[in-house]
Every structure is written in structure tokens, then in C-alpha cells.
Amino acid sequence: MPASKKASAPRVLWKGAISFGLVHIPVALYTATTDHGIDFDWLDKRTMDPVGYKRINKKTGKEIPREQIVKGVEYADGEYVVLSDKEIAAAYPRTTQTIEIETFVPANGIPFVFLERPYYVAPINRGAKVYALLRETLQRSGRVGVARVVIQTKQHLAVLVPESGEPAVDVAAVLRERKCHVLVNLLSTGKDCVESFRQRLAGCGNSAAKSC
């Protein structure tokens, strides 16, 4: 029997930080799922040679050189506004490589159907101790962090969910876009969770603080 293939390690999307207030925790964001599919190639059935893609003017049927092609958005029938690469880049959200926690809510306050795609989050560099404090505080309080995160070129509303066990890998689940406005109206301030974490973080500055 052929040897089974080893499962591929999660891919690092970026290395950045979890942040809220003055807290800054170095973390890495990893893929948690893999998309499987079949890629079809165009072939010449007579020779099985690959068939390439040509840039064709839809009106004239003639091939267009790459340097003559621009990007535009149709705002009326047959009417376009042309955008430069710089203008297109400026329209995307700024890539911060940061999970910016905006509030904390009860873990059971976010319906499962709101969740769309999971990602792994884990501490890096010297962030392990503070990350462990945040994780434990969330577990003790039964809360999750609601955050904004930019993945590739799109900003998402996400939920940071603490997981039990080792290694210290948690889940940042991106919320379904159409549900976000509903969730925002349900959010509580989560001040008690923030205050609890700050107190424990302050205790880490004391060498006698055994809980750290």
C-alpha cells in the first residue's frame, strides 16, 4: 500500500499582534482550513496541447497588448470610470497585521450561524506570558473578544475564541458579512473582562505574583 501523505502544517498568513488599549501581544495568524478542488486546463483535443488565454476586445474581436489594458468600473450602461493601480490600492483597507479587539462579549452571545471561516492564532516571540493571561481571563469570564482584522485586502469582523489545552493555539473566527450589523447591535461593553485582565497584567510586574 502507498504511504499515506502527512497532513500539511497550517500556513502562516501574517505575523503581527493582538491589541486593545495599551496591550500589544505578538501573535501569528494561521490558516485553519484547506480548500480542495480540481483545476481544469483548456486543451486542444486534437493534440492535447495546453490552450492559453488571450486578451480580446469584445467588440472588435482583436487581441489587445497588455500595456493597452486598464481597469475600470461600469457606473452606467457602457460608461466606465478608469482607476489606476494606486487608486485601487488606496481603496483597500490598510493592512495592519493586527487583531484589534474592540470589546468582549459572553461566549454564548454569538450564534454559531454567524461564524464563517476559522483561523488559528498563537503567540510568537516574547508574547507567550501575556497571551496566556489573556487566554485565561477569557476562559474564566466565559467571554470572547470581538475584533477587526485585515486578511489579504479585506477587513473582517472576527471573534477571538480561547481553546483549552496545549499548545496555546486559539481560534479567530471570521463572521459572516451580512450578520455583522446584527451583531454590532448586540454587543455589550465587556468592561469587567478588560478590567480583570488589566489587574492580572499589572500583577505580572510584581515578582511575587505567583499567578503569572
N, C-alpha and C. Protein backbone atom coordinates (compact mmCIF):
# COMPACT_ATOMS: atom_id res chain seq x y z
N MET A 1 0.84 -1.20 0.00
CA MET A 1 0.00 0.00 0.00
C MET A 1 0.87 1.24 0.00
N PRO A 2 0.49 2.29 -0.75
CA PRO A 2 1.29 3.50 -0.76
C PRO A 2 1.26 4.19 0.58
N ALA A 3 2.36 4.82 0.93
CA ALA A 3 2.44 5.53 2.21
C ALA A 3 1.47 6.70 2.19
N SER A 4 0.79 6.89 3.31
CA SER A 4 -0.18 7.99 3.40
C SER A 4 0.55 9.30 3.50
N LYS A 5 -0.04 10.33 2.90
CA LYS A 5 0.57 11.66 2.92
C LYS A 5 0.36 12.30 4.29
N LYS A 6 1.41 12.98 4.77
CA LYS A 6 1.30 13.70 6.02
C LYS A 6 0.46 14.96 5.83
N ALA A 7 -0.31 15.26 6.86
CA ALA A 7 -1.12 16.48 6.79
C ALA A 7 -0.21 17.70 6.77
N SER A 8 -0.49 18.62 5.88
CA SER A 8 0.36 19.81 5.75
C SER A 8 0.17 20.71 6.96
N ALA A 9 1.25 21.37 7.37
CA ALA A 9 1.20 22.28 8.51
C ALA A 9 0.40 23.52 8.14
N PRO A 10 -0.28 24.13 9.12
CA PRO A 10 -1.02 25.36 8.82
C PRO A 10 -0.09 26.43 8.25
N ARG A 11 -0.58 27.17 7.29
CA ARG A 11 0.21 28.20 6.62
C ARG A 11 0.10 29.52 7.38
N VAL A 12 1.22 30.18 7.58
CA VAL A 12 1.23 31.48 8.26
C VAL A 12 0.74 32.55 7.30
N LEU A 13 -0.33 33.24 7.66
CA LEU A 13 -0.84 34.34 6.84
C LEU A 13 -0.08 35.63 7.13
N TRP A 14 0.14 35.91 8.40
CA TRP A 14 0.96 37.04 8.78
C TRP A 14 1.38 36.91 10.23
N LYS A 15 2.41 37.68 10.59
CA LYS A 15 2.87 37.77 11.97
C LYS A 15 2.66 39.21 12.41
N GLY A 16 1.91 39.38 13.48
CA GLY A 16 1.58 40.72 13.94
C GLY A 16 1.30 40.73 15.43
N ALA A 17 0.10 41.19 15.81
CA ALA A 17 -0.21 41.31 17.23
C ALA A 17 -1.70 41.36 17.48
N ILE A 18 -2.08 40.96 18.70
CA ILE A 18 -3.40 41.25 19.24
C ILE A 18 -3.26 42.55 20.01
N SER A 19 -4.17 43.48 19.80
CA SER A 19 -4.06 44.75 20.52
C SER A 19 -5.42 45.21 21.02
N PHE A 20 -5.41 45.82 22.19
CA PHE A 20 -6.57 46.56 22.70
C PHE A 20 -6.05 47.46 23.81
N GLY A 21 -6.46 48.72 23.74
CA GLY A 21 -5.93 49.70 24.68
C GLY A 21 -4.43 49.82 24.50
N LEU A 22 -3.69 49.71 25.58
CA LEU A 22 -2.23 49.78 25.54
C LEU A 22 -1.60 48.41 25.48
N VAL A 23 -2.41 47.37 25.38
CA VAL A 23 -1.90 45.99 25.35
C VAL A 23 -1.52 45.61 23.93
N HIS A 24 -0.35 44.99 23.79
CA HIS A 24 0.16 44.59 22.47
C HIS A 24 0.80 43.21 22.64
N ILE A 25 0.17 42.17 22.05
CA ILE A 25 0.64 40.80 22.22
C ILE A 25 1.06 40.23 20.87
N PRO A 26 2.35 39.93 20.68
CA PRO A 26 2.80 39.37 19.40
C PRO A 26 2.17 38.00 19.12
N VAL A 27 1.57 37.85 17.95
CA VAL A 27 0.95 36.59 17.56
C VAL A 27 1.16 36.34 16.07
N ALA A 28 0.88 35.12 15.68
CA ALA A 28 0.86 34.76 14.26
C ALA A 28 -0.54 34.26 13.92
N LEU A 29 -0.99 34.54 12.71
CA LEU A 29 -2.30 34.09 12.23
C LEU A 29 -2.07 33.00 11.19
N TYR A 30 -2.72 31.85 11.40
CA TYR A 30 -2.52 30.70 10.52
C TYR A 30 -3.83 30.30 9.86
N THR A 31 -3.72 29.65 8.72
CA THR A 31 -4.90 29.06 8.09
C THR A 31 -5.36 27.87 8.93
N ALA A 32 -6.67 27.67 9.03
CA ALA A 32 -7.20 26.54 9.79
C ALA A 32 -7.97 25.56 8.89
N THR A 33 -8.21 25.95 7.65
CA THR A 33 -8.93 25.08 6.72
C THR A 33 -8.19 25.05 5.39
N THR A 34 -8.47 24.04 4.61
CA THR A 34 -7.87 23.89 3.29
C THR A 34 -8.97 23.67 2.28
N ASP A 35 -8.93 24.43 1.19
CA ASP A 35 -9.91 24.25 0.12
C ASP A 35 -9.40 23.21 -0.87
N HIS A 36 -10.24 22.22 -1.14
CA HIS A 36 -9.88 21.18 -2.09
C HIS A 36 -10.76 21.31 -3.33
N GLY A 37 -10.13 21.22 -4.47
CA GLY A 37 -10.89 21.32 -5.72
C GLY A 37 -10.04 20.82 -6.87
N ILE A 38 -10.62 20.79 -8.05
CA ILE A 38 -9.93 20.34 -9.25
C ILE A 38 -9.77 21.52 -10.19
N ASP A 39 -8.53 21.75 -10.62
CA ASP A 39 -8.26 22.81 -11.59
C ASP A 39 -8.26 22.21 -12.99
N PHE A 40 -9.13 22.72 -13.86
CA PHE A 40 -9.22 22.23 -15.22
C PHE A 40 -8.39 23.12 -16.15
N ASP A 41 -7.64 22.50 -17.04
CA ASP A 41 -6.89 23.22 -18.06
C ASP A 41 -7.63 23.14 -19.39
N TRP A 42 -7.48 24.17 -20.19
CA TRP A 42 -8.01 24.13 -21.56
C TRP A 42 -7.01 23.40 -22.44
N LEU A 43 -7.50 22.45 -23.24
CA LEU A 43 -6.62 21.64 -24.08
C LEU A 43 -7.14 21.60 -25.51
N ASP A 44 -6.23 21.50 -26.45
CA ASP A 44 -6.58 21.23 -27.85
C ASP A 44 -6.83 19.73 -27.95
N LYS A 45 -8.09 19.32 -28.19
CA LYS A 45 -8.43 17.90 -28.14
C LYS A 45 -7.74 17.09 -29.23
N ARG A 46 -7.23 17.76 -30.26
CA ARG A 46 -6.54 17.04 -31.33
C ARG A 46 -5.13 16.64 -30.92
N THR A 47 -4.49 17.47 -30.14
CA THR A 47 -3.09 17.22 -29.78
C THR A 47 -2.85 17.16 -28.28
N MET A 48 -3.86 17.50 -27.48
CA MET A 48 -3.74 17.59 -26.02
C MET A 48 -2.74 18.66 -25.59
N ASP A 49 -2.51 19.65 -26.46
CA ASP A 49 -1.64 20.77 -26.11
C ASP A 49 -2.43 21.78 -25.28
N PRO A 50 -1.80 22.39 -24.26
CA PRO A 50 -2.49 23.41 -23.47
C PRO A 50 -2.90 24.60 -24.34
N VAL A 51 -4.07 25.17 -24.03
CA VAL A 51 -4.58 26.33 -24.76
C VAL A 51 -4.48 27.54 -23.84
N GLY A 52 -3.85 28.61 -24.31
CA GLY A 52 -3.66 29.81 -23.49
C GLY A 52 -4.87 30.73 -23.52
N TYR A 53 -4.80 31.75 -22.70
CA TYR A 53 -5.87 32.75 -22.61
C TYR A 53 -5.41 34.03 -23.30
N LYS A 54 -6.22 34.53 -24.20
CA LYS A 54 -5.89 35.75 -24.92
C LYS A 54 -6.77 36.90 -24.43
N ARG A 55 -6.21 38.10 -24.49
CA ARG A 55 -6.97 39.31 -24.13
C ARG A 55 -7.59 39.86 -25.41
N ILE A 56 -8.91 39.68 -25.50
CA ILE A 56 -9.61 40.01 -26.73
C ILE A 56 -10.56 41.19 -26.50
N ASN A 57 -10.56 42.16 -27.42
CA ASN A 57 -11.53 43.25 -27.42
C ASN A 57 -12.88 42.64 -27.81
N LYS A 58 -13.87 42.74 -26.93
CA LYS A 58 -15.15 42.07 -27.15
C LYS A 58 -15.93 42.64 -28.32
N LYS A 59 -15.62 43.87 -28.72
CA LYS A 59 -16.33 44.46 -29.86
C LYS A 59 -15.67 44.14 -31.19
N THR A 60 -14.32 44.27 -31.21
CA THR A 60 -13.62 44.07 -32.48
C THR A 60 -13.15 42.63 -32.68
N GLY A 61 -13.03 41.89 -31.58
CA GLY A 61 -12.54 40.52 -31.68
C GLY A 61 -11.03 40.44 -31.82
N LYS A 62 -10.35 41.58 -31.73
CA LYS A 62 -8.90 41.60 -31.90
C LYS A 62 -8.20 41.47 -30.55
N GLU A 63 -7.01 40.86 -30.58
CA GLU A 63 -6.22 40.71 -29.38
C GLU A 63 -5.60 42.06 -29.00
N ILE A 64 -5.57 42.35 -27.67
CA ILE A 64 -5.10 43.63 -27.16
C ILE A 64 -3.79 43.42 -26.40
N PRO A 65 -2.75 44.24 -26.67
CA PRO A 65 -1.50 44.14 -25.91
C PRO A 65 -1.75 44.47 -24.44
N ARG A 66 -0.97 43.84 -23.55
CA ARG A 66 -1.13 44.04 -22.12
C ARG A 66 -1.03 45.51 -21.72
N GLU A 67 -0.10 46.25 -22.36
CA GLU A 67 0.11 47.64 -21.96
C GLU A 67 -1.05 48.56 -22.35
N GLN A 68 -1.99 48.09 -23.17
CA GLN A 68 -3.14 48.89 -23.58
C GLN A 68 -4.38 48.60 -22.73
N ILE A 69 -4.23 47.75 -21.73
CA ILE A 69 -5.38 47.36 -20.90
C ILE A 69 -5.37 48.16 -19.60
N VAL A 70 -6.52 48.75 -19.25
CA VAL A 70 -6.69 49.48 -18.00
C VAL A 70 -7.84 48.85 -17.22
N LYS A 71 -7.98 49.23 -15.96
CA LYS A 71 -9.05 48.71 -15.11
C LYS A 71 -10.10 49.79 -14.90
N GLY A 72 -11.36 49.39 -15.06
CA GLY A 72 -12.43 50.35 -14.90
C GLY A 72 -13.66 49.74 -14.24
N VAL A 73 -14.50 50.59 -13.70
CA VAL A 73 -15.76 50.18 -13.07
C VAL A 73 -16.91 50.78 -13.87
N GLU A 74 -17.87 49.94 -14.26
CA GLU A 74 -19.01 50.41 -15.03
C GLU A 74 -20.04 51.06 -14.11
N TYR A 75 -20.34 52.33 -14.32
CA TYR A 75 -21.31 53.04 -13.49
C TYR A 75 -22.63 53.26 -14.22
N ALA A 76 -22.64 53.06 -15.53
CA ALA A 76 -23.86 53.12 -16.34
C ALA A 76 -23.63 52.20 -17.54
N ASP A 77 -24.67 51.94 -18.29
CA ASP A 77 -24.55 51.02 -19.41
C ASP A 77 -23.51 51.51 -20.42
N GLY A 78 -22.38 50.81 -20.49
CA GLY A 78 -21.33 51.17 -21.43
C GLY A 78 -20.47 52.34 -21.00
N GLU A 79 -20.70 52.87 -19.80
CA GLU A 79 -19.92 54.00 -19.30
C GLU A 79 -19.04 53.53 -18.14
N TYR A 80 -17.75 53.87 -18.19
CA TYR A 80 -16.79 53.39 -17.20
C TYR A 80 -15.99 54.54 -16.60
N VAL A 81 -15.56 54.35 -15.35
CA VAL A 81 -14.57 55.23 -14.75
C VAL A 81 -13.31 54.39 -14.60
N VAL A 82 -12.19 54.91 -15.13
CA VAL A 82 -10.93 54.19 -15.13
C VAL A 82 -10.15 54.52 -13.85
N LEU A 83 -9.61 53.48 -13.20
CA LEU A 83 -8.86 53.64 -11.97
C LEU A 83 -7.42 53.16 -12.17
N SER A 84 -6.49 53.88 -11.58
CA SER A 84 -5.09 53.48 -11.63
C SER A 84 -4.84 52.44 -10.54
N ASP A 85 -3.71 51.74 -10.63
CA ASP A 85 -3.36 50.75 -9.62
C ASP A 85 -3.22 51.41 -8.25
N LYS A 86 -2.72 52.65 -8.23
CA LYS A 86 -2.56 53.38 -6.97
C LYS A 86 -3.92 53.70 -6.35
N GLU A 87 -4.88 54.08 -7.17
CA GLU A 87 -6.22 54.39 -6.66
C GLU A 87 -6.91 53.13 -6.16
N ILE A 88 -6.71 52.02 -6.85
CA ILE A 88 -7.31 50.76 -6.41
C ILE A 88 -6.72 50.33 -5.08
N ALA A 89 -5.39 50.45 -4.93
CA ALA A 89 -4.73 50.07 -3.69
C ALA A 89 -5.21 50.93 -2.52
N ALA A 90 -5.45 52.22 -2.80
CA ALA A 90 -5.90 53.14 -1.74
C ALA A 90 -7.31 52.82 -1.27
N ALA A 91 -8.09 52.14 -2.10
CA ALA A 91 -9.47 51.82 -1.74
C ALA A 91 -9.56 50.65 -0.77
N TYR A 92 -8.49 49.84 -0.72
CA TYR A 92 -8.49 48.71 0.19
C TYR A 92 -8.14 49.16 1.60
N PRO A 93 -8.59 48.44 2.63
CA PRO A 93 -8.24 48.82 4.00
C PRO A 93 -6.74 48.66 4.23
N ARG A 94 -6.20 49.49 5.12
CA ARG A 94 -4.77 49.44 5.42
C ARG A 94 -4.43 48.12 6.10
N THR A 95 -3.43 47.43 5.58
CA THR A 95 -3.02 46.15 6.15
C THR A 95 -2.25 46.41 7.43
N THR A 96 -2.84 46.05 8.57
CA THR A 96 -2.24 46.35 9.86
C THR A 96 -1.57 45.15 10.50
N GLN A 97 -1.91 43.94 10.04
CA GLN A 97 -1.41 42.72 10.65
C GLN A 97 -1.65 42.75 12.15
N THR A 98 -2.86 43.18 12.50
CA THR A 98 -3.24 43.31 13.89
C THR A 98 -4.66 42.82 14.09
N ILE A 99 -4.86 42.06 15.16
CA ILE A 99 -6.21 41.70 15.58
C ILE A 99 -6.61 42.73 16.62
N GLU A 100 -7.40 43.70 16.22
CA GLU A 100 -7.75 44.82 17.09
C GLU A 100 -9.06 44.51 17.83
N ILE A 101 -8.93 44.12 19.09
CA ILE A 101 -10.11 43.78 19.89
C ILE A 101 -10.85 45.05 20.27
N GLU A 102 -12.14 45.07 19.96
CA GLU A 102 -12.95 46.26 20.24
C GLU A 102 -13.79 46.10 21.50
N THR A 103 -14.17 44.86 21.82
CA THR A 103 -14.97 44.63 23.01
C THR A 103 -14.95 43.15 23.34
N PHE A 104 -15.49 42.80 24.52
CA PHE A 104 -15.61 41.40 24.93
C PHE A 104 -17.08 41.11 25.20
N VAL A 105 -17.54 39.96 24.77
CA VAL A 105 -18.95 39.61 24.94
C VAL A 105 -19.04 38.18 25.47
N PRO A 106 -20.17 37.81 26.09
CA PRO A 106 -20.35 36.43 26.53
C PRO A 106 -20.19 35.46 25.36
N ALA A 107 -19.52 34.35 25.61
CA ALA A 107 -19.26 33.38 24.54
C ALA A 107 -20.54 32.83 23.93
N ASN A 108 -21.59 32.74 24.75
CA ASN A 108 -22.85 32.21 24.23
C ASN A 108 -23.72 33.30 23.60
N GLY A 109 -23.17 34.51 23.49
CA GLY A 109 -23.95 35.62 22.92
C GLY A 109 -23.82 35.75 21.42
N ILE A 110 -22.96 34.92 20.81
CA ILE A 110 -22.78 34.97 19.36
C ILE A 110 -23.27 33.66 18.76
N PRO A 111 -24.37 33.67 18.03
CA PRO A 111 -24.91 32.44 17.44
C PRO A 111 -23.89 31.77 16.51
N PHE A 112 -23.88 30.46 16.52
CA PHE A 112 -22.95 29.68 15.71
C PHE A 112 -23.07 30.02 14.23
N VAL A 113 -24.30 30.34 13.78
CA VAL A 113 -24.52 30.61 12.36
C VAL A 113 -23.85 31.89 11.91
N PHE A 114 -23.39 32.73 12.86
CA PHE A 114 -22.70 33.95 12.49
C PHE A 114 -21.29 33.66 12.01
N LEU A 115 -20.71 32.52 12.41
CA LEU A 115 -19.33 32.22 12.10
C LEU A 115 -19.18 31.69 10.69
N GLU A 116 -18.13 32.13 10.00
CA GLU A 116 -17.95 31.75 8.61
C GLU A 116 -16.67 30.96 8.36
N ARG A 117 -15.52 31.47 8.77
CA ARG A 117 -14.26 30.80 8.46
C ARG A 117 -13.30 30.94 9.65
N PRO A 118 -12.72 29.82 10.11
CA PRO A 118 -11.82 29.88 11.26
C PRO A 118 -10.36 30.06 10.85
N TYR A 119 -9.58 30.68 11.74
CA TYR A 119 -8.14 30.81 11.60
C TYR A 119 -7.51 30.50 12.95
N TYR A 120 -6.29 29.99 12.95
CA TYR A 120 -5.57 29.74 14.20
C TYR A 120 -4.78 30.98 14.61
N VAL A 121 -4.72 31.21 15.91
CA VAL A 121 -3.92 32.30 16.47
C VAL A 121 -3.01 31.71 17.54
N ALA A 122 -1.72 32.05 17.51
CA ALA A 122 -0.78 31.55 18.51
C ALA A 122 0.25 32.62 18.82
N PRO A 123 0.77 32.64 20.07
CA PRO A 123 1.76 33.65 20.45
C PRO A 123 3.11 33.37 19.79
N ILE A 124 3.87 34.43 19.55
CA ILE A 124 5.22 34.31 19.00
C ILE A 124 6.14 35.21 19.79
N ASN A 125 7.44 35.05 19.55
CA ASN A 125 8.46 35.87 20.20
C ASN A 125 8.29 35.83 21.71
N ARG A 126 8.16 36.99 22.35
CA ARG A 126 8.05 37.03 23.82
C ARG A 126 6.62 37.27 24.29
N GLY A 127 5.66 36.94 23.44
CA GLY A 127 4.27 37.22 23.80
C GLY A 127 3.57 36.12 24.56
N ALA A 128 4.24 35.00 24.83
CA ALA A 128 3.58 33.83 25.41
C ALA A 128 2.95 34.11 26.78
N LYS A 129 3.68 34.84 27.68
CA LYS A 129 3.17 35.06 29.04
C LYS A 129 1.91 35.92 29.04
N VAL A 130 1.95 37.05 28.34
CA VAL A 130 0.79 37.95 28.31
C VAL A 130 -0.36 37.29 27.55
N TYR A 131 -0.03 36.54 26.50
CA TYR A 131 -1.06 35.82 25.75
C TYR A 131 -1.77 34.83 26.65
N ALA A 132 -1.01 34.12 27.50
CA ALA A 132 -1.60 33.14 28.41
C ALA A 132 -2.54 33.83 29.40
N LEU A 133 -2.18 35.04 29.85
CA LEU A 133 -3.05 35.78 30.76
C LEU A 133 -4.37 36.16 30.09
N LEU A 134 -4.28 36.63 28.85
CA LEU A 134 -5.50 36.99 28.13
C LEU A 134 -6.37 35.77 27.93
N ARG A 135 -5.75 34.68 27.54
CA ARG A 135 -6.47 33.44 27.29
C ARG A 135 -7.19 32.95 28.55
N GLU A 136 -6.47 32.96 29.68
CA GLU A 136 -7.06 32.50 30.94
C GLU A 136 -8.18 33.42 31.41
N THR A 137 -8.00 34.73 31.21
CA THR A 137 -9.04 35.69 31.60
C THR A 137 -10.32 35.46 30.80
N LEU A 138 -10.18 35.22 29.51
CA LEU A 138 -11.35 34.94 28.68
C LEU A 138 -12.04 33.65 29.12
N GLN A 139 -11.24 32.62 29.43
CA GLN A 139 -11.82 31.35 29.85
C GLN A 139 -12.54 31.48 31.19
N ARG A 140 -11.93 32.20 32.12
CA ARG A 140 -12.54 32.36 33.45
C ARG A 140 -13.83 33.17 33.39
N SER A 141 -13.84 34.18 32.52
CA SER A 141 -15.01 35.05 32.44
C SER A 141 -16.08 34.53 31.49
N GLY A 142 -15.75 33.49 30.71
CA GLY A 142 -16.71 32.95 29.75
C GLY A 142 -17.00 33.92 28.61
N ARG A 143 -15.98 34.69 28.25
CA ARG A 143 -16.17 35.68 27.19
C ARG A 143 -15.25 35.41 26.00
N VAL A 144 -15.57 36.08 24.90
CA VAL A 144 -14.73 36.05 23.70
C VAL A 144 -14.48 37.49 23.27
N GLY A 145 -13.41 37.67 22.52
CA GLY A 145 -13.09 39.02 22.04
C GLY A 145 -13.65 39.26 20.65
N VAL A 146 -14.30 40.38 20.46
CA VAL A 146 -14.79 40.78 19.14
C VAL A 146 -13.78 41.76 18.57
N ALA A 147 -13.26 41.45 17.39
CA ALA A 147 -12.13 42.23 16.85
C ALA A 147 -12.29 42.51 15.37
N ARG A 148 -11.47 43.44 14.91
CA ARG A 148 -11.37 43.71 13.48
C ARG A 148 -9.99 43.23 13.02
N VAL A 149 -9.97 42.57 11.87
CA VAL A 149 -8.71 42.05 11.35
C VAL A 149 -8.74 42.14 9.83
N VAL A 150 -7.61 42.54 9.25
CA VAL A 150 -7.49 42.59 7.79
C VAL A 150 -6.80 41.32 7.32
N ILE A 151 -7.46 40.55 6.47
CA ILE A 151 -6.90 39.34 5.89
C ILE A 151 -6.82 39.56 4.39
N GLN A 152 -5.60 39.49 3.88
CA GLN A 152 -5.32 39.82 2.49
C GLN A 152 -5.67 41.30 2.26
N THR A 153 -6.72 41.61 1.54
CA THR A 153 -7.05 43.02 1.28
C THR A 153 -8.42 43.41 1.82
N LYS A 154 -8.99 42.58 2.69
CA LYS A 154 -10.35 42.86 3.17
C LYS A 154 -10.40 42.86 4.68
N GLN A 155 -11.11 43.87 5.23
CA GLN A 155 -11.29 43.93 6.67
C GLN A 155 -12.48 43.09 7.09
N HIS A 156 -12.30 42.32 8.18
CA HIS A 156 -13.36 41.45 8.67
C HIS A 156 -13.64 41.75 10.14
N LEU A 157 -14.86 41.46 10.56
CA LEU A 157 -15.19 41.41 11.97
C LEU A 157 -15.01 39.96 12.39
N ALA A 158 -14.28 39.73 13.47
CA ALA A 158 -13.95 38.37 13.88
C ALA A 158 -14.16 38.18 15.37
N VAL A 159 -14.16 36.92 15.80
CA VAL A 159 -14.30 36.58 17.21
C VAL A 159 -13.08 35.79 17.64
N LEU A 160 -12.39 36.23 18.69
CA LEU A 160 -11.26 35.50 19.23
C LEU A 160 -11.77 34.57 20.31
N VAL A 161 -11.67 33.26 20.05
CA VAL A 161 -12.23 32.24 20.93
C VAL A 161 -11.10 31.47 21.61
N PRO A 162 -11.00 31.51 22.95
CA PRO A 162 -9.94 30.76 23.63
C PRO A 162 -10.25 29.27 23.63
N GLU A 163 -9.24 28.45 23.35
CA GLU A 163 -9.38 27.00 23.36
C GLU A 163 -8.57 26.44 24.52
N SER A 164 -9.07 25.37 25.14
CA SER A 164 -8.35 24.75 26.25
C SER A 164 -7.30 23.79 25.72
N GLY A 165 -6.28 23.53 26.54
CA GLY A 165 -5.25 22.57 26.17
C GLY A 165 -4.01 23.22 25.64
N GLU A 166 -3.04 22.38 25.30
CA GLU A 166 -1.76 22.82 24.77
C GLU A 166 -1.56 22.21 23.39
N PRO A 167 -0.83 22.85 22.49
CA PRO A 167 -0.20 24.16 22.67
C PRO A 167 -1.23 25.28 22.71
N ALA A 168 -0.76 26.47 23.05
CA ALA A 168 -1.67 27.62 23.20
C ALA A 168 -2.07 28.15 21.83
N VAL A 169 -2.98 27.45 21.20
CA VAL A 169 -3.49 27.86 19.90
C VAL A 169 -4.98 28.12 20.01
N ASP A 170 -5.40 29.30 19.67
CA ASP A 170 -6.81 29.66 19.76
C ASP A 170 -7.37 29.92 18.37
N VAL A 171 -8.65 30.25 18.30
CA VAL A 171 -9.33 30.39 17.03
C VAL A 171 -9.86 31.81 16.86
N ALA A 172 -9.57 32.40 15.71
CA ALA A 172 -10.20 33.66 15.33
C ALA A 172 -11.16 33.34 14.20
N ALA A 173 -12.44 33.38 14.49
CA ALA A 173 -13.45 33.01 13.51
C ALA A 173 -14.02 34.26 12.86
N VAL A 174 -13.90 34.35 11.55
CA VAL A 174 -14.44 35.49 10.81
C VAL A 174 -15.96 35.36 10.75
N LEU A 175 -16.65 36.48 10.97
CA LEU A 175 -18.11 36.48 10.98
C LEU A 175 -18.66 36.71 9.58
N ARG A 176 -19.83 36.15 9.34
CA ARG A 176 -20.47 36.35 8.05
C ARG A 176 -20.81 37.83 7.87
N GLU A 177 -20.48 38.36 6.71
CA GLU A 177 -20.59 39.79 6.47
C GLU A 177 -22.01 40.31 6.68
N ARG A 178 -23.00 39.55 6.24
CA ARG A 178 -24.39 40.02 6.34
C ARG A 178 -24.92 39.99 7.76
N LYS A 179 -24.20 39.31 8.66
CA LYS A 179 -24.66 39.23 10.04
C LYS A 179 -24.00 40.27 10.93
N CYS A 180 -22.94 40.93 10.42
CA CYS A 180 -22.16 41.82 11.26
C CYS A 180 -22.99 42.95 11.85
N HIS A 181 -23.86 43.57 11.05
CA HIS A 181 -24.63 44.71 11.55
C HIS A 181 -25.59 44.27 12.65
N VAL A 182 -26.03 43.00 12.59
CA VAL A 182 -26.89 42.48 13.66
C VAL A 182 -26.09 42.31 14.93
N LEU A 183 -24.86 41.77 14.80
CA LEU A 183 -24.02 41.53 15.96
C LEU A 183 -23.64 42.82 16.65
N VAL A 184 -23.31 43.85 15.88
CA VAL A 184 -22.90 45.12 16.48
C VAL A 184 -23.96 45.65 17.41
N ASN A 185 -25.22 45.45 17.08
CA ASN A 185 -26.31 45.93 17.92
C ASN A 185 -26.48 45.11 19.20
N LEU A 186 -25.85 43.91 19.24
CA LEU A 186 -25.99 43.04 20.39
C LEU A 186 -24.82 43.15 21.36
N LEU A 187 -23.75 43.84 20.96
CA LEU A 187 -22.53 43.85 21.76
C LEU A 187 -22.71 44.59 23.08
N SER A 188 -22.12 44.01 24.12
CA SER A 188 -22.04 44.72 25.41
C SER A 188 -20.64 45.30 25.53
N THR A 189 -20.40 46.09 26.53
CA THR A 189 -19.10 46.76 26.63
C THR A 189 -17.99 45.83 27.04
N GLY A 190 -18.27 44.82 27.87
CA GLY A 190 -17.24 43.89 28.29
C GLY A 190 -16.19 44.52 29.19
N LYS A 191 -16.53 45.57 29.92
CA LYS A 191 -15.56 46.28 30.73
C LYS A 191 -15.02 45.43 31.88
N ASP A 192 -15.86 44.52 32.42
CA ASP A 192 -15.40 43.71 33.53
C ASP A 192 -14.28 42.78 33.11
N CYS A 193 -14.35 42.25 31.90
CA CYS A 193 -13.30 41.37 31.39
C CYS A 193 -12.01 42.15 31.17
N VAL A 194 -12.11 43.35 30.63
CA VAL A 194 -10.93 44.18 30.39
C VAL A 194 -10.26 44.53 31.70
N GLU A 195 -11.05 44.90 32.71
CA GLU A 195 -10.50 45.29 33.99
C GLU A 195 -9.83 44.11 34.68
N SER A 196 -10.44 42.93 34.57
CA SER A 196 -9.85 41.72 35.15
C SER A 196 -8.50 41.42 34.53
N PHE A 197 -8.42 41.56 33.23
CA PHE A 197 -7.15 41.29 32.54
C PHE A 197 -6.10 42.32 32.93
N ARG A 198 -6.49 43.58 33.01
CA ARG A 198 -5.52 44.62 33.37
C ARG A 198 -4.96 44.39 34.77
N GLN A 199 -5.81 43.96 35.70
CA GLN A 199 -5.36 43.70 37.06
C GLN A 199 -4.35 42.56 37.08
N ARG A 200 -4.63 41.50 36.33
CA ARG A 200 -3.72 40.36 36.29
C ARG A 200 -2.43 40.73 35.57
N LEU A 201 -2.53 41.56 34.55
CA LEU A 201 -1.34 42.00 33.81
C LEU A 201 -0.46 42.86 34.71
N ALA A 202 -1.10 43.73 35.51
CA ALA A 202 -0.34 44.56 36.43
C ALA A 202 0.38 43.70 37.46
N GLY A 203 -0.26 42.59 37.85
CA GLY A 203 0.34 41.69 38.83
C GLY A 203 1.61 41.03 38.31
N CYS A 204 1.74 40.93 36.98
CA CYS A 204 2.92 40.31 36.39
C CYS A 204 4.16 41.16 36.60
N GLY A 205 3.95 42.44 36.89
CA GLY A 205 5.10 43.30 37.14
C GLY A 205 5.68 43.07 38.51
N ASN A 206 4.94 42.34 39.35
CA ASN A 206 5.39 42.03 40.71
C ASN A 206 6.02 40.65 40.71
N SER A 207 7.28 40.55 41.05
CA SER A 207 7.98 39.27 41.00
C SER A 207 7.37 38.25 41.94
N ALA A 208 6.59 38.72 42.92
CA ALA A 208 5.99 37.81 43.90
C ALA A 208 4.65 37.28 43.43
N ALA A 209 4.19 37.72 42.25
CA ALA A 209 2.87 37.32 41.77
C ALA A 209 2.96 35.91 41.21
N LYS A 210 2.56 34.95 42.00
CA LYS A 210 2.67 33.55 41.59
C LYS A 210 1.71 33.18 40.49
N SER A 211 0.59 33.91 40.39
CA SER A 211 -0.41 33.55 39.39
C SER A 211 0.07 33.81 37.98
N CYS A 212 1.17 34.55 37.83
CA CYS A 212 1.69 34.86 36.50
C CYS A 212 2.72 33.84 36.10
